[in-house]
């Protein structure tokens, strides 16, 4: 798992917003495929293969989903559509 300096876990420093979204989207897809819903508990951490060969990383998925829902108005139409495609519930 890639870690922040200091070993605190979470996403790597220096990742672009687009890369971070791709990792979150991959985690959402893994969770949805396994659970069949996106009622993600706040404390859920999902291990995913990072797109582009970045290895396996733990994504704080519960927090990511909560933050993404709160920022829906700032997301591009493409990102909203990608989340809709994997079953995102916005409310």
PDB file of N, CA and C in Angstrom:
ATOM      1  N   UNK A   1       0.845  -1.172   0.000  1.00  0.00           N
ATOM      2  CA  UNK A   1       0.000   0.000   0.000  1.00  0.00           C
ATOM      3  C   UNK A   1       0.889   1.233   0.000  1.00  0.00           C
ATOM      4  N   UNK A   2       0.612   2.189  -0.869  1.00  0.00           N
ATOM      5  CA  UNK A   2       1.350   3.442  -0.871  1.00  0.00           C
ATOM      6  C   UNK A   2       0.900   4.264   0.318  1.00  0.00           C
ATOM      7  N   UNK A   3       1.850   4.901   0.985  1.00  0.00           N
ATOM      8  CA  UNK A   3       1.514   5.669   2.159  1.00  0.00           C
ATOM      9  C   UNK A   3       2.043   7.084   2.050  1.00  0.00           C
ATOM     10  N   UNK A   4       1.410   7.942   2.806  1.00  0.00           N
ATOM     11  CA  UNK A   4       1.899   9.306   2.922  1.00  0.00           C
ATOM     12  C   UNK A   4       3.193   9.289   3.717  1.00  0.00           C
ATOM     13  N   UNK A   5       4.029  10.309   3.556  1.00  0.00           N
ATOM     14  CA  UNK A   5       5.215  10.383   4.398  1.00  0.00           C
ATOM     15  C   UNK A   5       4.805  10.322   5.864  1.00  0.00           C
ATOM     16  N   UNK A   6       5.544   9.575   6.646  1.00  0.00           N
ATOM     17  CA  UNK A   6       5.203   9.414   8.045  1.00  0.00           C
ATOM     18  C   UNK A   6       4.397   8.163   8.306  1.00  0.00           C
ATOM     19  N   UNK A   7       4.027   7.423   7.252  1.00  0.00           N
ATOM     20  CA  UNK A   7       3.347   6.158   7.409  1.00  0.00           C
ATOM     21  C   UNK A   7       1.908   6.249   7.858  1.00  0.00           C
ATOM     22  N   UNK A   8       1.226   7.355   7.613  1.00  0.00           N
ATOM     23  CA  UNK A   8      -0.129   7.518   8.106  1.00  0.00           C
ATOM     24  C   UNK A   8      -1.170   6.836   7.237  1.00  0.00           C
ATOM     25  N   UNK A   9      -0.777   6.254   6.109  1.00  0.00           N
ATOM     26  CA  UNK A   9      -1.743   5.606   5.214  1.00  0.00           C
ATOM     27  C   UNK A   9      -2.441   6.643   4.363  1.00  0.00           C
ATOM     28  N   UNK A  10      -3.363   6.194   3.532  1.00  0.00           N
ATOM     29  CA  UNK A  10      -4.110   7.115   2.698  1.00  0.00           C
ATOM     30  C   UNK A  10      -3.417   7.351   1.375  1.00  0.00           C
ATOM     31  N   UNK A  11      -3.951   8.271   0.579  1.00  0.00           N
ATOM     32  CA  UNK A  11      -3.418   8.483  -0.759  1.00  0.00           C
ATOM     33  C   UNK A  11      -2.015   9.075  -0.761  1.00  0.00           C
ATOM     34  N   UNK A  12      -1.309   8.789  -1.825  1.00  0.00           N
ATOM     35  CA  UNK A  12       0.048   9.310  -1.965  1.00  0.00           C
ATOM     36  C   UNK A  12       0.030  10.813  -2.188  1.00  0.00           C
ATOM     37  N   UNK A  13       1.026  11.466  -1.651  1.00  0.00           N
ATOM     38  CA  UNK A  13       1.195  12.897  -1.890  1.00  0.00           C
ATOM     39  C   UNK A  13       1.529  13.098  -3.361  1.00  0.00           C
ATOM     40  N   UNK A  14       1.092  14.196  -3.926  1.00  0.00           N
ATOM     41  CA  UNK A  14       1.426  14.520  -5.299  1.00  0.00           C
ATOM     42  C   UNK A  14       0.480  13.955  -6.340  1.00  0.00           C
ATOM     43  N   UNK A  15      -0.552  13.267  -5.906  1.00  0.00           N
ATOM     44  CA  UNK A  15      -1.521  12.714  -6.852  1.00  0.00           C
ATOM     45  C   UNK A  15      -2.442  13.835  -7.326  1.00  0.00           C
ATOM     46  N   UNK A  16      -2.723  13.868  -8.637  1.00  0.00           N
ATOM     47  CA  UNK A  16      -3.630  14.879  -9.167  1.00  0.00           C
ATOM     48  C   UNK A  16      -5.059  14.564  -8.739  1.00  0.00           C
ATOM     49  N   UNK A  17      -5.940  15.532  -8.849  1.00  0.00           N
ATOM     50  CA  UNK A  17      -7.353  15.313  -8.517  1.00  0.00           C
ATOM     51  C   UNK A  17      -7.964  14.245  -9.412  1.00  0.00           C
ATOM     52  N   UNK A  18      -7.568  14.245 -10.676  1.00  0.00           N
ATOM     53  CA  UNK A  18      -8.073  13.237 -11.601  1.00  0.00           C
ATOM     54  C   UNK A  18      -7.633  11.836 -11.212  1.00  0.00           C
ATOM     55  N   UNK A  19      -6.377  11.708 -10.801  1.00  0.00           N
ATOM     56  CA  UNK A  19      -5.871  10.406 -10.358  1.00  0.00           C
ATOM     57  C   UNK A  19      -6.566   9.968  -9.073  1.00  0.00           C
ATOM     58  N   UNK A  20      -6.755  10.902  -8.144  1.00  0.00           N
ATOM     59  CA  UNK A  20      -7.431  10.582  -6.882  1.00  0.00           C
ATOM     60  C   UNK A  20      -8.872  10.154  -7.145  1.00  0.00           C
ATOM     61  N   UNK A  21      -9.542  10.819  -8.083  1.00  0.00           N
ATOM     62  CA  UNK A  21     -10.913  10.434  -8.417  1.00  0.00           C
ATOM     63  C   UNK A  21     -10.932   9.030  -9.022  1.00  0.00           C
ATOM     64  N   UNK A  22      -9.983   8.727  -9.884  1.00  0.00           N
ATOM     65  CA  UNK A  22      -9.922   7.402 -10.512  1.00  0.00           C
ATOM     66  C   UNK A  22      -9.737   6.307  -9.462  1.00  0.00           C
ATOM     67  N   UNK A  23      -8.925   6.573  -8.450  1.00  0.00           N
ATOM     68  CA  UNK A  23      -8.712   5.602  -7.378  1.00  0.00           C
ATOM     69  C   UNK A  23     -10.002   5.435  -6.572  1.00  0.00           C
ATOM     70  N   UNK A  24     -10.650   6.546  -6.237  1.00  0.00           N
ATOM     71  CA  UNK A  24     -11.927   6.482  -5.514  1.00  0.00           C
ATOM     72  C   UNK A  24     -12.991   5.749  -6.306  1.00  0.00           C
ATOM     73  N   UNK A  25     -13.058   6.019  -7.595  1.00  0.00           N
ATOM     74  CA  UNK A  25     -14.034   5.352  -8.459  1.00  0.00           C
ATOM     75  C   UNK A  25     -13.763   3.852  -8.531  1.00  0.00           C
ATOM     76  N   UNK A  26     -12.502   3.472  -8.588  1.00  0.00           N
ATOM     77  CA  UNK A  26     -12.153   2.053  -8.584  1.00  0.00           C
ATOM     78  C   UNK A  26     -12.598   1.402  -7.280  1.00  0.00           C
ATOM     79  N   UNK A  27     -12.406   2.091  -6.158  1.00  0.00           N
ATOM     80  CA  UNK A  27     -12.818   1.562  -4.855  1.00  0.00           C
ATOM     81  C   UNK A  27     -14.331   1.422  -4.771  1.00  0.00           C
ATOM     82  N   UNK A  28     -15.053   2.413  -5.301  1.00  0.00           N
ATOM     83  CA  UNK A  28     -16.520   2.344  -5.325  1.00  0.00           C
ATOM     84  C   UNK A  28     -16.969   1.135  -6.135  1.00  0.00           C
ATOM     85  N   UNK A  29     -16.319   0.906  -7.271  1.00  0.00           N
ATOM     86  CA  UNK A  29     -16.679  -0.235  -8.110  1.00  0.00           C
ATOM     87  C   UNK A  29     -16.463  -1.565  -7.420  1.00  0.00           C
ATOM     88  N   UNK A  30     -15.350  -1.693  -6.688  1.00  0.00           N
ATOM     89  CA  UNK A  30     -15.054  -2.925  -5.948  1.00  0.00           C
ATOM     90  C   UNK A  30     -16.103  -3.142  -4.858  1.00  0.00           C
ATOM     91  N   UNK A  31     -16.403  -2.079  -4.107  1.00  0.00           N
ATOM     92  CA  UNK A  31     -17.386  -2.190  -3.028  1.00  0.00           C
ATOM     93  C   UNK A  31     -18.756  -2.569  -3.581  1.00  0.00           C
ATOM     94  N   UNK A  32     -19.188  -1.876  -4.644  1.00  0.00           N
ATOM     95  CA  UNK A  32     -20.507  -2.138  -5.218  1.00  0.00           C
ATOM     96  C   UNK A  32     -20.603  -3.553  -5.777  1.00  0.00           C
ATOM     97  N   UNK A  33     -19.550  -4.027  -6.429  1.00  0.00           N
ATOM     98  CA  UNK A  33     -19.561  -5.386  -6.990  1.00  0.00           C
ATOM     99  C   UNK A  33     -19.703  -6.430  -5.888  1.00  0.00           C
ATOM    100  N   UNK A  34     -19.094  -6.170  -4.756  1.00  0.00           N
ATOM    101  CA  UNK A  34     -19.148  -7.124  -3.646  1.00  0.00           C
ATOM    102  C   UNK A  34     -20.445  -7.014  -2.854  1.00  0.00           C
ATOM    103  N   UNK A  35     -20.895  -5.781  -2.565  1.00  0.00           N
ATOM    104  CA  UNK A  35     -22.018  -5.549  -1.659  1.00  0.00           C
ATOM    105  C   UNK A  35     -23.358  -5.330  -2.367  1.00  0.00           C
ATOM    106  N   UNK A  36     -23.313  -4.858  -3.631  1.00  0.00           N
ATOM    107  CA  UNK A  36     -24.545  -4.611  -4.372  1.00  0.00           C
ATOM    108  C   UNK A  36     -25.221  -3.293  -4.046  1.00  0.00           C
ATOM    109  N   UNK A  37     -24.528  -2.419  -3.317  1.00  0.00           N
ATOM    110  CA  UNK A  37     -25.069  -1.102  -2.953  1.00  0.00           C
ATOM    111  C   UNK A  37     -23.901  -0.180  -2.614  1.00  0.00           C
ATOM    112  N   UNK A  38     -24.225   1.103  -2.429  1.00  0.00           N
ATOM    113  CA  UNK A  38     -23.196   2.059  -2.020  1.00  0.00           C
ATOM    114  C   UNK A  38     -23.567   2.742  -0.706  1.00  0.00           C
ATOM    115  N   UNK A  39     -24.165   1.995   0.195  1.00  0.00           N
ATOM    116  CA  UNK A  39     -24.399   2.470   1.559  1.00  0.00           C
ATOM    117  C   UNK A  39     -23.125   2.174   2.342  1.00  0.00           C
ATOM    118  N   UNK A  40     -22.105   2.940   2.068  1.00  0.00           N
ATOM    119  CA  UNK A  40     -20.763   2.673   2.591  1.00  0.00           C
ATOM    120  C   UNK A  40     -20.648   3.236   4.006  1.00  0.00           C
ATOM    121  N   UNK A  41     -20.307   2.393   4.987  1.00  0.00           N
ATOM    122  CA  UNK A  41     -20.087   2.916   6.342  1.00  0.00           C
ATOM    123  C   UNK A  41     -18.943   3.922   6.351  1.00  0.00           C
ATOM    124  N   UNK A  42     -19.061   4.945   7.169  1.00  0.00           N
ATOM    125  CA  UNK A  42     -18.068   6.017   7.198  1.00  0.00           C
ATOM    126  C   UNK A  42     -16.650   5.489   7.415  1.00  0.00           C
ATOM    127  N   UNK A  43     -16.485   4.484   8.224  1.00  0.00           N
ATOM    128  CA  UNK A  43     -15.159   3.970   8.541  1.00  0.00           C
ATOM    129  C   UNK A  43     -14.617   2.936   7.573  1.00  0.00           C
ATOM    130  N   UNK A  44     -15.333   2.675   6.486  1.00  0.00           N
ATOM    131  CA  UNK A  44     -14.921   1.641   5.526  1.00  0.00           C
ATOM    132  C   UNK A  44     -13.635   2.033   4.799  1.00  0.00           C
ATOM    133  N   UNK A  45     -12.699   1.100   4.766  1.00  0.00           N
ATOM    134  CA  UNK A  45     -11.477   1.254   3.974  1.00  0.00           C
ATOM    135  C   UNK A  45     -11.470   0.112   2.965  1.00  0.00           C
ATOM    136  N   UNK A  46     -11.354   0.433   1.703  1.00  0.00           N
ATOM    137  CA  UNK A  46     -11.395  -0.552   0.620  1.00  0.00           C
ATOM    138  C   UNK A  46     -10.023  -0.651  -0.027  1.00  0.00           C
ATOM    139  N   UNK A  47      -9.490  -1.861  -0.132  1.00  0.00           N
ATOM    140  CA  UNK A  47      -8.209  -2.082  -0.808  1.00  0.00           C
ATOM    141  C   UNK A  47      -8.472  -2.239  -2.296  1.00  0.00           C
ATOM    142  N   UNK A  48      -7.787  -1.462  -3.108  1.00  0.00           N
ATOM    143  CA  UNK A  48      -7.977  -1.511  -4.555  1.00  0.00           C
ATOM    144  C   UNK A  48      -6.631  -1.474  -5.270  1.00  0.00           C
ATOM    145  N   UNK A  49      -6.628  -2.033  -6.483  1.00  0.00           N
ATOM    146  CA  UNK A  49      -5.487  -1.880  -7.369  1.00  0.00           C
ATOM    147  C   UNK A  49      -5.569  -0.483  -7.962  1.00  0.00           C
ATOM    148  N   UNK A  50      -4.531   0.277  -7.796  1.00  0.00           N
ATOM    149  CA  UNK A  50      -4.504   1.646  -8.292  1.00  0.00           C
ATOM    150  C   UNK A  50      -4.377   1.622  -9.813  1.00  0.00           C
ATOM    151  N   UNK A  51      -5.276   2.341 -10.529  1.00  0.00           N
ATOM    152  CA  UNK A  51      -5.161   2.402 -11.987  1.00  0.00           C
ATOM    153  C   UNK A  51      -3.785   2.893 -12.415  1.00  0.00           C
ATOM    154  N   UNK A  52      -3.269   2.329 -13.479  1.00  0.00           N
ATOM    155  CA  UNK A  52      -1.969   2.720 -13.998  1.00  0.00           C
ATOM    156  C   UNK A  52      -0.806   1.989 -13.359  1.00  0.00           C
ATOM    157  N   UNK A  53      -1.089   0.869 -12.693  1.00  0.00           N
ATOM    158  CA  UNK A  53      -0.009   0.065 -12.136  1.00  0.00           C
ATOM    159  C   UNK A  53       0.591   0.594 -10.853  1.00  0.00           C
ATOM    160  N   UNK A  54      -0.191   1.337 -10.070  1.00  0.00           N
ATOM    161  CA  UNK A  54       0.324   1.913  -8.836  1.00  0.00           C
ATOM    162  C   UNK A  54       0.306   0.986  -7.637  1.00  0.00           C
ATOM    163  N   UNK A  55      -0.006  -0.290  -7.833  1.00  0.00           N
ATOM    164  CA  UNK A  55      -0.038  -1.238  -6.716  1.00  0.00           C
ATOM    165  C   UNK A  55      -1.385  -1.249  -6.028  1.00  0.00           C
ATOM    166  N   UNK A  56      -1.423  -1.780  -4.825  1.00  0.00           N
ATOM    167  CA  UNK A  56      -2.650  -1.853  -4.031  1.00  0.00           C
ATOM    168  C   UNK A  56      -2.611  -0.756  -2.988  1.00  0.00           C
ATOM    169  N   UNK A  57      -3.764  -0.122  -2.791  1.00  0.00           N
ATOM    170  CA  UNK A  57      -3.852   0.993  -1.855  1.00  0.00           C
ATOM    171  C   UNK A  57      -5.148   0.889  -1.067  1.00  0.00           C
ATOM    172  N   UNK A  58      -5.119   1.268   0.188  1.00  0.00           N
ATOM    173  CA  UNK A  58      -6.328   1.361   1.006  1.00  0.00           C
ATOM    174  C   UNK A  58      -6.961   2.722   0.813  1.00  0.00           C
ATOM    175  N   UNK A  59      -8.216   2.737   0.401  1.00  0.00           N
ATOM    176  CA  UNK A  59      -8.949   3.982   0.180  1.00  0.00           C
ATOM    177  C   UNK A  59      -9.964   4.131   1.301  1.00  0.00           C
ATOM    178  N   UNK A  60      -9.963   5.265   1.959  1.00  0.00           N
ATOM    179  CA  UNK A  60     -10.958   5.549   2.994  1.00  0.00           C
ATOM    180  C   UNK A  60     -12.275   5.834   2.285  1.00  0.00           C
ATOM    181  N   UNK A  61     -12.936   4.754   1.861  1.00  0.00           N
ATOM    182  CA  UNK A  61     -14.068   4.859   0.955  1.00  0.00           C
ATOM    183  C   UNK A  61     -15.273   5.534   1.583  1.00  0.00           C
ATOM    184  N   UNK A  62     -15.554   5.247   2.847  1.00  0.00           N
ATOM    185  CA  UNK A  62     -16.703   5.889   3.495  1.00  0.00           C
ATOM    186  C   UNK A  62     -16.585   7.403   3.462  1.00  0.00           C
ATOM    187  N   UNK A  63     -15.424   7.906   3.799  1.00  0.00           N
ATOM    188  CA  UNK A  63     -15.169   9.352   3.788  1.00  0.00           C
ATOM    189  C   UNK A  63     -15.217   9.875   2.356  1.00  0.00           C
ATOM    190  N   UNK A  64     -14.636   9.123   1.420  1.00  0.00           N
ATOM    191  CA  UNK A  64     -14.615   9.544   0.017  1.00  0.00           C
ATOM    192  C   UNK A  64     -16.029   9.694  -0.522  1.00  0.00           C
ATOM    193  N   UNK A  65     -16.910   8.733  -0.220  1.00  0.00           N
ATOM    194  CA  UNK A  65     -18.288   8.795  -0.706  1.00  0.00           C
ATOM    195  C   UNK A  65     -19.021   9.980  -0.086  1.00  0.00           C
ATOM    196  N   UNK A  66     -18.873  10.186   1.216  1.00  0.00           N
ATOM    197  CA  UNK A  66     -19.523  11.320   1.887  1.00  0.00           C
ATOM    198  C   UNK A  66     -19.063  12.637   1.264  1.00  0.00           C
ATOM    199  N   UNK A  67     -17.762  12.790   1.080  1.00  0.00           N
ATOM    200  CA  UNK A  67     -17.230  14.027   0.495  1.00  0.00           C
ATOM    201  C   UNK A  67     -17.665  14.203  -0.949  1.00  0.00           C
ATOM    202  N   UNK A  68     -17.696  13.120  -1.708  1.00  0.00           N
ATOM    203  CA  UNK A  68     -18.096  13.205  -3.114  1.00  0.00           C
ATOM    204  C   UNK A  68     -19.557  13.603  -3.228  1.00  0.00           C
ATOM    205  N   UNK A  69     -20.410  13.043  -2.379  1.00  0.00           N
ATOM    206  CA  UNK A  69     -21.831  13.439  -2.383  1.00  0.00           C
ATOM    207  C   UNK A  69     -21.969  14.929  -2.078  1.00  0.00           C
ATOM    208  N   UNK A  70     -21.217  15.401  -1.102  1.00  0.00           N
ATOM    209  CA  UNK A  70     -21.290  16.812  -0.722  1.00  0.00           C
ATOM    210  C   UNK A  70     -20.806  17.737  -1.835  1.00  0.00           C
ATOM    211  N   UNK A  71     -19.912  17.236  -2.686  1.00  0.00           N
ATOM    212  CA  UNK A  71     -19.326  18.055  -3.760  1.00  0.00           C
ATOM    213  C   UNK A  71     -19.975  17.808  -5.120  1.00  0.00           C
ATOM    214  N   UNK A  72     -21.111  17.167  -5.141  1.00  0.00           N
ATOM    215  CA  UNK A  72     -21.748  16.810  -6.416  1.00  0.00           C
ATOM    216  C   UNK A  72     -21.863  18.012  -7.356  1.00  0.00           C
ATOM    217  N   UNK A  73     -22.250  19.151  -6.848  1.00  0.00           N
ATOM    218  CA  UNK A  73     -22.418  20.343  -7.672  1.00  0.00           C
ATOM    219  C   UNK A  73     -21.140  20.825  -8.331  1.00  0.00           C
ATOM    220  N   UNK A  74     -19.991  20.398  -7.818  1.00  0.00           N
ATOM    221  CA  UNK A  74     -18.704  20.810  -8.373  1.00  0.00           C
ATOM    222  C   UNK A  74     -18.100  19.762  -9.301  1.00  0.00           C
ATOM    223  N   UNK A  75     -18.736  18.577  -9.385  1.00  0.00           N
ATOM    224  CA  UNK A  75     -18.201  17.513 -10.233  1.00  0.00           C
ATOM    225  C   UNK A  75     -18.575  17.755 -11.691  1.00  0.00           C
ATOM    226  N   UNK A  76     -17.716  17.296 -12.580  1.00  0.00           N
ATOM    227  CA  UNK A  76     -18.040  17.374 -14.004  1.00  0.00           C
ATOM    228  C   UNK A  76     -19.171  16.400 -14.315  1.00  0.00           C
ATOM    229  N   UNK A  77     -19.860  16.641 -15.408  1.00  0.00           N
ATOM    230  CA  UNK A  77     -20.915  15.730 -15.846  1.00  0.00           C
ATOM    231  C   UNK A  77     -20.384  14.328 -16.078  1.00  0.00           C
ATOM    232  N   UNK A  78     -19.163  14.233 -16.562  1.00  0.00           N
ATOM    233  CA  UNK A  78     -18.533  12.934 -16.815  1.00  0.00           C
ATOM    234  C   UNK A  78     -18.337  12.153 -15.507  1.00  0.00           C
ATOM    235  N   UNK A  79     -17.908  12.843 -14.466  1.00  0.00           N
ATOM    236  CA  UNK A  79     -17.706  12.169 -13.176  1.00  0.00           C
ATOM    237  C   UNK A  79     -19.035  11.757 -12.545  1.00  0.00           C
ATOM    238  N   UNK A  80     -20.036  12.623 -12.630  1.00  0.00           N
ATOM    239  CA  UNK A  80     -21.366  12.268 -12.112  1.00  0.00           C
ATOM    240  C   UNK A  80     -21.891  11.046 -12.853  1.00  0.00           C
ATOM    241  N   UNK A  81     -21.740  11.024 -14.168  1.00  0.00           N
ATOM    242  CA  UNK A  81     -22.207   9.880 -14.965  1.00  0.00           C
ATOM    243  C   UNK A  81     -21.461   8.600 -14.589  1.00  0.00           C
ATOM    244  N   UNK A  82     -20.162   8.697 -14.351  1.00  0.00           N
ATOM    245  CA  UNK A  82     -19.377   7.520 -13.960  1.00  0.00           C
ATOM    246  C   UNK A  82     -19.856   6.980 -12.614  1.00  0.00           C
ATOM    247  N   UNK A  83     -20.162   7.864 -11.690  1.00  0.00           N
ATOM    248  CA  UNK A  83     -20.667   7.438 -10.389  1.00  0.00           C
ATOM    249  C   UNK A  83     -22.090   6.891 -10.491  1.00  0.00           C
ATOM    250  N   UNK A  84     -22.910   7.522 -11.304  1.00  0.00           N
ATOM    251  CA  UNK A  84     -24.265   7.002 -11.535  1.00  0.00           C
ATOM    252  C   UNK A  84     -24.208   5.584 -12.092  1.00  0.00           C
ATOM    253  N   UNK A  85     -23.239   5.329 -12.962  1.00  0.00           N
ATOM    254  CA  UNK A  85     -23.116   4.017 -13.613  1.00  0.00           C
ATOM    255  C   UNK A  85     -22.794   2.905 -12.615  1.00  0.00           C
ATOM    256  N   UNK A  86     -22.166   3.244 -11.486  1.00  0.00           N
ATOM    257  CA  UNK A  86     -21.861   2.221 -10.482  1.00  0.00           C
ATOM    258  C   UNK A  86     -22.835   2.255  -9.307  1.00  0.00           C
ATOM    259  N   UNK A  87     -23.945   2.993  -9.460  1.00  0.00           N
ATOM    260  CA  UNK A  87     -24.999   2.941  -8.464  1.00  0.00           C
ATOM    261  C   UNK A  87     -24.934   3.984  -7.357  1.00  0.00           C
ATOM    262  N   UNK A  88     -24.267   5.103  -7.593  1.00  0.00           N
ATOM    263  CA  UNK A  88     -24.178   6.135  -6.557  1.00  0.00           C
ATOM    264  C   UNK A  88     -25.577   6.640  -6.197  1.00  0.00           C
ATOM    265  N   UNK A  89     -25.831   6.698  -4.913  1.00  0.00           N
ATOM    266  CA  UNK A  89     -27.060   7.303  -4.374  1.00  0.00           C
ATOM    267  C   UNK A  89     -26.636   8.666  -3.843  1.00  0.00           C
ATOM    268  N   UNK A  90     -27.237   9.718  -4.354  1.00  0.00           N
ATOM    269  CA  UNK A  90     -26.763  11.068  -4.070  1.00  0.00           C
ATOM    270  C   UNK A  90     -27.358  11.674  -2.807  1.00  0.00           C
ATOM    271  N   UNK A  91     -28.394  11.109  -2.258  1.00  0.00           N
ATOM    272  CA  UNK A  91     -28.991  11.665  -1.030  1.00  0.00           C
ATOM    273  C   UNK A  91     -28.979  10.656   0.081  1.00  0.00           C
TER     274      UNK A  91
END
